[in-house]
């Protein structure tokens, strides 16, 4: 359906591609490098455009990590393990991830987020809360990136049932 994108051979054209991509959404340096490498004729051209974006402040992994963490905690209600995994997949350095998560931890209460997610799920379920529903809740909260001990504690408090221990995801 779509062919390969046309290779660009000038800095101005490649810079325009980068700015248009940044207008759509934020990108990490690694993501932008991949995007520009697909469109550029030479690696040198990619490095020049990346340096220009960094100097102008349009490309900054620390700021990107803070924005990403804030969006994922406040809007999507995800846990720190999921956010860490997603940021690592996007090529953000661990020190930026840790700093952004520490900053977000000051203003958010993970236990309250877990309680809200559990209550929302329980409103949609019919009938008594059985082991299958507890297992389903537990799995969805694990995929959302919350700590297993936090999930068990909140499930015990809300469902008033014993929740078995599970292994920590890697």
N, C-alpha and C. Protein backbone atom coordinates (compact mmCIF):
# COMPACT_ATOMS: atom_id res chain seq x y z
N UNK A 1 0.83 -1.18 0.00
CA UNK A 1 0.00 0.00 0.00
C UNK A 1 0.88 1.25 0.00
N UNK A 2 1.70 1.38 1.03
CA UNK A 2 2.60 2.51 1.08
C UNK A 2 4.00 2.06 0.74
N UNK A 3 4.70 2.87 -0.02
CA UNK A 3 6.08 2.55 -0.34
C UNK A 3 7.01 3.13 0.71
N UNK A 4 8.27 2.98 0.47
CA UNK A 4 9.26 3.56 1.38
C UNK A 4 9.18 5.08 1.31
N UNK A 5 9.39 5.75 2.44
CA UNK A 5 9.37 7.23 2.38
C UNK A 5 10.55 7.73 1.57
N UNK A 6 10.36 8.87 0.94
CA UNK A 6 11.41 9.48 0.13
C UNK A 6 12.56 9.89 1.03
N UNK A 7 13.77 9.56 0.62
CA UNK A 7 14.96 9.94 1.38
C UNK A 7 15.22 11.43 1.19
N UNK A 8 15.48 12.10 2.30
CA UNK A 8 15.74 13.53 2.26
C UNK A 8 17.25 13.78 2.31
N UNK A 9 17.69 14.79 1.58
CA UNK A 9 19.13 15.03 1.51
C UNK A 9 19.55 16.41 2.00
N UNK A 10 18.62 17.20 2.52
CA UNK A 10 19.00 18.50 3.08
C UNK A 10 18.59 18.59 4.54
N UNK A 11 19.34 19.40 5.26
CA UNK A 11 19.07 19.58 6.69
C UNK A 11 17.71 20.23 6.92
N UNK A 12 17.34 21.19 6.10
CA UNK A 12 16.08 21.91 6.27
C UNK A 12 14.89 20.96 6.13
N UNK A 13 14.93 20.09 5.13
CA UNK A 13 13.82 19.14 4.93
C UNK A 13 13.71 18.17 6.11
N UNK A 14 14.84 17.66 6.56
CA UNK A 14 14.83 16.71 7.67
C UNK A 14 14.40 17.39 8.97
N UNK A 15 14.82 18.64 9.15
CA UNK A 15 14.41 19.40 10.34
C UNK A 15 12.90 19.61 10.32
N UNK A 16 12.32 19.89 9.16
CA UNK A 16 10.87 20.06 9.05
C UNK A 16 10.14 18.77 9.41
N UNK A 17 10.67 17.63 8.99
CA UNK A 17 10.08 16.34 9.34
C UNK A 17 10.09 16.16 10.86
N UNK A 18 11.21 16.51 11.48
CA UNK A 18 11.34 16.36 12.93
C UNK A 18 10.37 17.28 13.67
N UNK A 19 10.25 18.52 13.24
CA UNK A 19 9.37 19.47 13.90
C UNK A 19 7.91 19.05 13.75
N UNK A 20 7.53 18.56 12.57
CA UNK A 20 6.16 18.07 12.38
C UNK A 20 5.87 16.89 13.29
N UNK A 21 6.85 16.01 13.45
CA UNK A 21 6.66 14.85 14.35
C UNK A 21 6.51 15.32 15.79
N UNK A 22 7.28 16.32 16.19
CA UNK A 22 7.19 16.84 17.55
C UNK A 22 5.90 17.62 17.79
N UNK A 23 5.32 18.16 16.74
CA UNK A 23 4.04 18.84 16.90
C UNK A 23 2.92 17.84 17.16
N UNK A 24 3.04 16.63 16.61
CA UNK A 24 2.01 15.61 16.83
C UNK A 24 2.04 15.09 18.25
N UNK A 25 3.25 14.77 18.75
CA UNK A 25 3.43 14.30 20.12
C UNK A 25 4.91 14.39 20.47
N UNK A 26 5.20 14.29 21.78
CA UNK A 26 6.58 14.32 22.22
C UNK A 26 7.31 13.04 21.82
N UNK A 27 8.60 13.15 21.62
CA UNK A 27 9.44 12.01 21.26
C UNK A 27 10.69 12.02 22.13
N UNK A 28 11.17 10.83 22.43
CA UNK A 28 12.47 10.73 23.09
C UNK A 28 13.55 10.87 22.03
N UNK A 29 14.78 11.04 22.48
CA UNK A 29 15.90 11.18 21.54
C UNK A 29 16.06 9.91 20.70
N UNK A 30 15.90 8.76 21.34
CA UNK A 30 16.04 7.49 20.61
C UNK A 30 14.95 7.34 19.55
N UNK A 31 13.73 7.70 19.89
CA UNK A 31 12.63 7.62 18.92
C UNK A 31 12.88 8.55 17.75
N UNK A 32 13.32 9.76 18.05
CA UNK A 32 13.56 10.74 16.99
C UNK A 32 14.72 10.29 16.10
N UNK A 33 15.72 9.67 16.71
CA UNK A 33 16.86 9.17 15.92
C UNK A 33 16.37 8.12 14.92
N UNK A 34 15.54 7.20 15.36
CA UNK A 34 15.00 6.17 14.46
C UNK A 34 14.15 6.80 13.35
N UNK A 35 13.31 7.74 13.74
CA UNK A 35 12.44 8.39 12.76
C UNK A 35 13.25 9.11 11.70
N UNK A 36 14.26 9.85 12.12
CA UNK A 36 15.07 10.61 11.17
C UNK A 36 15.97 9.69 10.34
N UNK A 37 16.45 8.61 10.93
CA UNK A 37 17.32 7.69 10.19
C UNK A 37 16.57 7.04 9.03
N UNK A 38 15.28 6.80 9.21
CA UNK A 38 14.49 6.23 8.11
C UNK A 38 14.34 7.19 6.95
N UNK A 39 14.39 8.50 7.23
CA UNK A 39 14.14 9.50 6.20
C UNK A 39 15.40 10.13 5.62
N UNK A 40 16.54 9.99 6.30
CA UNK A 40 17.74 10.71 5.88
C UNK A 40 18.62 9.86 4.97
N UNK A 41 19.38 10.56 4.13
CA UNK A 41 20.36 9.90 3.27
C UNK A 41 21.59 9.46 4.06
N UNK A 42 22.04 10.33 4.98
CA UNK A 42 23.27 10.04 5.71
C UNK A 42 23.07 10.16 7.21
N UNK A 43 23.91 9.45 7.94
CA UNK A 43 23.88 9.48 9.41
C UNK A 43 24.31 10.86 9.92
N UNK A 44 25.21 11.49 9.21
CA UNK A 44 25.70 12.82 9.61
C UNK A 44 24.56 13.83 9.64
N UNK A 45 23.69 13.74 8.65
CA UNK A 45 22.54 14.64 8.58
C UNK A 45 21.62 14.46 9.79
N UNK A 46 21.42 13.21 10.20
CA UNK A 46 20.60 12.91 11.38
C UNK A 46 21.22 13.54 12.62
N UNK A 47 22.53 13.39 12.79
CA UNK A 47 23.21 13.93 13.96
C UNK A 47 23.13 15.46 14.01
N UNK A 48 23.24 16.10 12.86
CA UNK A 48 23.16 17.56 12.80
C UNK A 48 21.77 18.03 13.23
N UNK A 49 20.73 17.38 12.71
CA UNK A 49 19.36 17.78 13.06
C UNK A 49 19.08 17.50 14.53
N UNK A 50 19.55 16.36 15.05
CA UNK A 50 19.36 16.07 16.48
C UNK A 50 20.05 17.10 17.35
N UNK A 51 21.26 17.49 17.00
CA UNK A 51 21.98 18.50 17.77
C UNK A 51 21.22 19.83 17.75
N UNK A 52 20.68 20.18 16.61
CA UNK A 52 19.91 21.43 16.48
C UNK A 52 18.65 21.38 17.35
N UNK A 53 17.97 20.24 17.37
CA UNK A 53 16.76 20.10 18.19
C UNK A 53 17.09 20.15 19.68
N UNK A 54 18.20 19.54 20.07
CA UNK A 54 18.61 19.59 21.49
C UNK A 54 18.98 21.00 21.91
N UNK A 55 19.73 21.70 21.08
CA UNK A 55 20.15 23.07 21.42
C UNK A 55 18.96 24.00 21.56
N UNK A 56 17.95 23.82 20.73
CA UNK A 56 16.79 24.70 20.80
C UNK A 56 15.83 24.29 21.91
N UNK A 57 16.10 23.15 22.57
CA UNK A 57 15.26 22.71 23.68
C UNK A 57 14.01 21.95 23.25
N UNK A 58 13.92 21.60 21.98
CA UNK A 58 12.75 20.89 21.50
C UNK A 58 12.82 19.40 21.79
N UNK A 59 14.01 18.90 22.08
CA UNK A 59 14.21 17.48 22.32
C UNK A 59 15.00 17.33 23.62
N UNK A 60 14.32 16.80 24.65
CA UNK A 60 14.94 16.66 25.97
C UNK A 60 14.32 15.45 26.65
N UNK A 61 15.14 14.42 26.91
CA UNK A 61 14.63 13.19 27.51
C UNK A 61 14.10 13.39 28.92
N UNK A 62 14.71 14.26 29.71
CA UNK A 62 14.25 14.49 31.08
C UNK A 62 12.85 15.10 31.08
N UNK A 63 12.66 16.10 30.24
CA UNK A 63 11.34 16.73 30.15
C UNK A 63 10.31 15.76 29.57
N UNK A 64 10.71 14.98 28.57
CA UNK A 64 9.83 13.99 27.97
C UNK A 64 9.39 12.96 29.01
N UNK A 65 10.32 12.49 29.84
CA UNK A 65 9.99 11.50 30.87
C UNK A 65 9.00 12.08 31.88
N UNK A 66 9.21 13.32 32.30
CA UNK A 66 8.28 13.95 33.26
C UNK A 66 6.88 14.08 32.67
N UNK A 67 6.81 14.51 31.43
CA UNK A 67 5.51 14.66 30.77
C UNK A 67 4.83 13.31 30.60
N UNK A 68 5.59 12.30 30.20
CA UNK A 68 5.06 10.95 29.99
C UNK A 68 4.53 10.37 31.30
N UNK A 69 5.31 10.49 32.38
CA UNK A 69 4.90 9.97 33.68
C UNK A 69 3.66 10.68 34.18
N UNK A 70 3.63 11.98 34.06
CA UNK A 70 2.46 12.74 34.51
C UNK A 70 1.20 12.31 33.75
N UNK A 71 1.31 12.16 32.45
CA UNK A 71 0.17 11.76 31.64
C UNK A 71 -0.29 10.35 31.99
N UNK A 72 0.65 9.44 32.17
CA UNK A 72 0.29 8.05 32.46
C UNK A 72 -0.25 7.86 33.88
N UNK A 73 0.18 8.67 34.84
CA UNK A 73 -0.33 8.51 36.20
C UNK A 73 -1.66 9.23 36.38
N UNK A 74 -1.79 10.44 35.86
CA UNK A 74 -2.99 11.23 36.09
C UNK A 74 -4.15 10.87 35.17
N UNK A 75 -3.86 10.58 33.92
CA UNK A 75 -4.93 10.33 32.97
C UNK A 75 -5.21 8.84 32.81
N UNK A 76 -4.18 8.06 32.53
CA UNK A 76 -4.38 6.63 32.30
C UNK A 76 -4.39 5.80 33.57
N UNK A 77 -3.97 6.39 34.69
CA UNK A 77 -3.97 5.70 35.98
C UNK A 77 -3.15 4.41 35.95
N UNK A 78 -1.91 4.52 35.48
CA UNK A 78 -1.03 3.35 35.42
C UNK A 78 -0.02 3.41 36.55
N UNK A 79 0.55 2.24 36.87
CA UNK A 79 1.53 2.11 37.92
C UNK A 79 2.95 2.33 37.43
N UNK A 80 3.87 2.42 38.39
CA UNK A 80 5.24 2.78 38.05
C UNK A 80 5.97 1.69 37.26
N UNK A 81 5.62 0.42 37.45
CA UNK A 81 6.31 -0.64 36.71
C UNK A 81 5.96 -0.58 35.22
N UNK A 82 4.71 -0.33 34.91
CA UNK A 82 4.29 -0.22 33.51
C UNK A 82 4.89 1.02 32.86
N UNK A 83 4.90 2.12 33.59
CA UNK A 83 5.46 3.36 33.05
C UNK A 83 6.96 3.19 32.79
N UNK A 84 7.66 2.56 33.73
CA UNK A 84 9.10 2.32 33.56
C UNK A 84 9.35 1.47 32.33
N UNK A 85 8.58 0.40 32.17
CA UNK A 85 8.77 -0.49 31.02
C UNK A 85 8.52 0.26 29.71
N UNK A 86 7.47 1.07 29.66
CA UNK A 86 7.16 1.80 28.44
C UNK A 86 8.23 2.85 28.11
N UNK A 87 8.74 3.54 29.12
CA UNK A 87 9.78 4.53 28.87
C UNK A 87 11.09 3.88 28.43
N UNK A 88 11.43 2.75 29.02
CA UNK A 88 12.63 2.04 28.58
C UNK A 88 12.49 1.59 27.13
N UNK A 89 11.30 1.16 26.75
CA UNK A 89 11.07 0.75 25.36
C UNK A 89 11.21 1.92 24.41
N UNK A 90 10.98 3.12 24.90
CA UNK A 90 11.12 4.32 24.07
C UNK A 90 12.53 4.89 24.10
N UNK A 91 13.44 4.22 24.82
CA UNK A 91 14.85 4.62 24.80
C UNK A 91 15.23 5.70 25.78
N UNK A 92 14.45 5.92 26.81
CA UNK A 92 14.76 6.94 27.81
C UNK A 92 15.70 6.33 28.86
N UNK A 93 16.70 7.09 29.27
CA UNK A 93 17.68 6.61 30.25
C UNK A 93 17.04 6.42 31.62
N UNK A 94 17.58 5.45 32.38
CA UNK A 94 17.01 5.11 33.68
C UNK A 94 17.04 6.27 34.68
N UNK A 95 18.06 7.12 34.62
CA UNK A 95 18.11 8.24 35.58
C UNK A 95 16.98 9.24 35.34
N UNK A 96 16.60 9.45 34.07
CA UNK A 96 15.46 10.33 33.78
C UNK A 96 14.15 9.70 34.24
N UNK A 97 14.04 8.39 34.06
CA UNK A 97 12.84 7.68 34.48
C UNK A 97 12.68 7.76 36.00
N UNK A 98 13.77 7.48 36.71
CA UNK A 98 13.72 7.49 38.17
C UNK A 98 13.37 8.89 38.71
N UNK A 99 13.96 9.92 38.12
CA UNK A 99 13.68 11.29 38.57
C UNK A 99 12.22 11.66 38.32
N UNK A 100 11.70 11.29 37.17
CA UNK A 100 10.31 11.62 36.84
C UNK A 100 9.34 10.85 37.74
N UNK A 101 9.63 9.59 38.01
CA UNK A 101 8.76 8.80 38.89
C UNK A 101 8.80 9.32 40.32
N UNK A 102 9.98 9.74 40.78
CA UNK A 102 10.09 10.28 42.13
C UNK A 102 9.29 11.57 42.27
N UNK A 103 9.34 12.40 41.24
CA UNK A 103 8.59 13.65 41.26
C UNK A 103 7.08 13.38 41.26
N UNK A 104 6.66 12.40 40.48
CA UNK A 104 5.23 12.07 40.40
C UNK A 104 4.75 11.40 41.67
N UNK A 105 5.62 10.65 42.35
CA UNK A 105 5.23 9.94 43.57
C UNK A 105 4.87 10.91 44.69
N UNK A 106 5.45 12.10 44.66
CA UNK A 106 5.15 13.11 45.68
C UNK A 106 3.70 13.58 45.60
N UNK A 107 3.15 13.63 44.39
CA UNK A 107 1.82 14.19 44.21
C UNK A 107 0.71 13.16 44.01
N UNK A 108 1.08 11.87 43.83
CA UNK A 108 0.04 10.87 43.60
C UNK A 108 0.09 9.79 44.67
N UNK A 109 -1.06 9.20 44.93
CA UNK A 109 -1.19 8.11 45.89
C UNK A 109 -1.57 6.85 45.11
N UNK A 110 -0.60 5.94 44.95
CA UNK A 110 -0.86 4.73 44.17
C UNK A 110 -1.98 3.89 44.77
N UNK A 111 -2.05 3.84 46.09
CA UNK A 111 -3.10 3.04 46.74
C UNK A 111 -4.48 3.57 46.37
N UNK A 112 -4.63 4.88 46.31
CA UNK A 112 -5.92 5.47 45.94
C UNK A 112 -6.26 5.15 44.49
N UNK A 113 -5.26 5.17 43.61
CA UNK A 113 -5.49 4.83 42.21
C UNK A 113 -5.93 3.39 42.08
N UNK A 114 -5.28 2.49 42.82
CA UNK A 114 -5.65 1.07 42.79
C UNK A 114 -7.08 0.89 43.30
N UNK A 115 -7.42 1.56 44.38
CA UNK A 115 -8.79 1.48 44.92
C UNK A 115 -9.81 1.95 43.89
N UNK A 116 -9.52 3.06 43.22
CA UNK A 116 -10.44 3.58 42.21
C UNK A 116 -10.63 2.59 41.07
N UNK A 117 -9.52 1.99 40.62
CA UNK A 117 -9.62 1.02 39.52
C UNK A 117 -10.43 -0.21 39.96
N UNK A 118 -10.22 -0.67 41.20
CA UNK A 118 -10.95 -1.84 41.69
C UNK A 118 -12.44 -1.51 41.79
N UNK A 119 -12.77 -0.35 42.37
CA UNK A 119 -14.18 0.03 42.53
C UNK A 119 -14.87 0.18 41.18
N UNK A 120 -14.16 0.76 40.21
CA UNK A 120 -14.74 0.91 38.88
C UNK A 120 -15.03 -0.45 38.25
N UNK A 121 -14.09 -1.38 38.40
CA UNK A 121 -14.29 -2.73 37.84
C UNK A 121 -15.43 -3.45 38.56
N UNK A 122 -15.52 -3.30 39.88
CA UNK A 122 -16.56 -4.00 40.63
C UNK A 122 -17.95 -3.47 40.32
N UNK A 123 -18.06 -2.19 39.94
CA UNK A 123 -19.35 -1.63 39.55
C UNK A 123 -19.88 -2.31 38.29
N UNK A 124 -18.97 -2.74 37.43
CA UNK A 124 -19.36 -3.34 36.16
C UNK A 124 -19.63 -4.83 36.26
N UNK A 125 -19.24 -5.46 37.37
CA UNK A 125 -19.42 -6.90 37.49
C UNK A 125 -20.76 -7.21 38.14
N UNK A 126 -21.31 -8.35 37.74
CA UNK A 126 -22.58 -8.80 38.31
C UNK A 126 -22.32 -9.98 39.21
N UNK A 127 -23.18 -10.16 40.17
CA UNK A 127 -23.09 -11.32 41.04
C UNK A 127 -22.06 -11.15 42.14
N UNK A 128 -21.84 -12.25 42.84
CA UNK A 128 -20.90 -12.24 43.96
C UNK A 128 -19.47 -12.19 43.46
N UNK A 129 -18.59 -11.70 44.33
CA UNK A 129 -17.17 -11.64 44.00
C UNK A 129 -16.57 -13.00 44.30
N UNK A 130 -16.18 -13.71 43.24
CA UNK A 130 -15.60 -15.04 43.44
C UNK A 130 -14.12 -15.01 43.08
N UNK A 131 -13.49 -16.18 43.15
CA UNK A 131 -12.04 -16.26 42.89
C UNK A 131 -11.68 -15.84 41.47
N UNK A 132 -12.53 -16.14 40.51
CA UNK A 132 -12.23 -15.77 39.12
C UNK A 132 -12.22 -14.25 38.96
N UNK A 133 -13.16 -13.57 39.58
CA UNK A 133 -13.22 -12.11 39.48
C UNK A 133 -12.02 -11.48 40.19
N UNK A 134 -11.65 -12.04 41.33
CA UNK A 134 -10.48 -11.54 42.04
C UNK A 134 -9.22 -11.74 41.19
N UNK A 135 -9.10 -12.91 40.56
CA UNK A 135 -7.94 -13.19 39.71
C UNK A 135 -7.91 -12.25 38.51
N UNK A 136 -9.07 -11.97 37.94
CA UNK A 136 -9.16 -11.06 36.81
C UNK A 136 -8.74 -9.64 37.22
N UNK A 137 -9.24 -9.18 38.36
CA UNK A 137 -8.86 -7.87 38.89
C UNK A 137 -7.36 -7.80 39.14
N UNK A 138 -6.84 -8.85 39.77
CA UNK A 138 -5.42 -8.90 40.10
C UNK A 138 -4.58 -8.82 38.83
N UNK A 139 -4.95 -9.58 37.82
CA UNK A 139 -4.21 -9.58 36.55
C UNK A 139 -4.25 -8.24 35.86
N UNK A 140 -5.42 -7.61 35.85
CA UNK A 140 -5.52 -6.31 35.18
C UNK A 140 -4.69 -5.25 35.91
N UNK A 141 -4.67 -5.31 37.24
CA UNK A 141 -3.87 -4.35 38.01
C UNK A 141 -2.37 -4.61 37.84
N UNK A 142 -1.99 -5.88 37.72
CA UNK A 142 -0.58 -6.20 37.46
C UNK A 142 -0.16 -5.67 36.09
N UNK A 143 -1.01 -5.85 35.09
CA UNK A 143 -0.70 -5.34 33.74
C UNK A 143 -0.65 -3.82 33.73
N UNK A 144 -1.41 -3.18 34.62
CA UNK A 144 -1.39 -1.72 34.70
C UNK A 144 -0.13 -1.21 35.39
N UNK A 145 0.66 -2.12 35.99
CA UNK A 145 1.96 -1.72 36.52
C UNK A 145 2.02 -1.44 38.00
N UNK A 146 1.10 -1.97 38.77
CA UNK A 146 1.12 -1.73 40.21
C UNK A 146 1.84 -2.87 40.93
N UNK A 147 2.35 -2.58 42.12
CA UNK A 147 3.10 -3.56 42.91
C UNK A 147 2.15 -4.64 43.44
N UNK A 148 2.60 -5.90 43.43
CA UNK A 148 1.72 -7.00 43.87
C UNK A 148 1.26 -6.88 45.32
N UNK A 149 2.14 -6.43 46.22
CA UNK A 149 1.72 -6.31 47.62
C UNK A 149 0.66 -5.22 47.79
N UNK A 150 0.78 -4.14 47.05
CA UNK A 150 -0.22 -3.07 47.09
C UNK A 150 -1.56 -3.57 46.56
N UNK A 151 -1.54 -4.33 45.48
CA UNK A 151 -2.76 -4.87 44.90
C UNK A 151 -3.44 -5.81 45.90
N UNK A 152 -2.67 -6.72 46.49
CA UNK A 152 -3.25 -7.67 47.45
C UNK A 152 -3.86 -6.94 48.64
N UNK A 153 -3.15 -5.94 49.16
CA UNK A 153 -3.66 -5.20 50.31
C UNK A 153 -4.98 -4.51 49.98
N UNK A 154 -5.07 -3.87 48.82
CA UNK A 154 -6.29 -3.17 48.45
C UNK A 154 -7.43 -4.13 48.11
N UNK A 155 -7.11 -5.26 47.48
CA UNK A 155 -8.14 -6.26 47.20
C UNK A 155 -8.70 -6.86 48.49
N UNK A 156 -7.80 -7.11 49.45
CA UNK A 156 -8.27 -7.65 50.74
C UNK A 156 -9.19 -6.65 51.43
N UNK A 157 -8.84 -5.38 51.37
CA UNK A 157 -9.63 -4.36 52.04
C UNK A 157 -11.01 -4.19 51.39
N UNK A 158 -11.06 -4.24 50.07
CA UNK A 158 -12.33 -4.01 49.39
C UNK A 158 -13.16 -5.27 49.28
N UNK A 159 -12.55 -6.38 48.89
CA UNK A 159 -13.30 -7.61 48.66
C UNK A 159 -13.45 -8.45 49.92
N UNK A 160 -12.65 -8.19 50.93
CA UNK A 160 -12.69 -8.93 52.19
C UNK A 160 -12.49 -10.43 51.97
N UNK A 161 -11.56 -10.74 51.05
CA UNK A 161 -11.20 -12.14 50.79
C UNK A 161 -9.68 -12.26 50.82
N UNK A 162 -9.19 -13.47 50.98
CA UNK A 162 -7.76 -13.72 50.99
C UNK A 162 -7.26 -13.79 49.55
N UNK A 163 -6.24 -13.00 49.23
CA UNK A 163 -5.68 -12.98 47.88
C UNK A 163 -4.35 -13.70 47.92
N UNK A 164 -4.15 -14.70 47.07
CA UNK A 164 -2.88 -15.44 47.09
C UNK A 164 -1.71 -14.59 46.59
N UNK A 165 -0.51 -14.94 47.02
CA UNK A 165 0.71 -14.24 46.59
C UNK A 165 1.04 -14.63 45.16
N UNK A 166 1.65 -13.72 44.43
CA UNK A 166 2.09 -13.99 43.06
C UNK A 166 3.51 -13.48 42.90
N UNK A 167 4.15 -13.92 41.84
CA UNK A 167 5.53 -13.50 41.56
C UNK A 167 5.54 -12.09 40.99
N UNK A 168 6.60 -11.35 41.29
CA UNK A 168 6.80 -10.00 40.80
C UNK A 168 7.19 -10.05 39.32
N UNK A 169 6.54 -9.23 38.44
CA UNK A 169 6.91 -9.25 37.02
C UNK A 169 8.27 -8.62 36.81
N UNK A 170 8.95 -9.05 35.79
CA UNK A 170 10.27 -8.51 35.47
C UNK A 170 10.13 -7.36 34.52
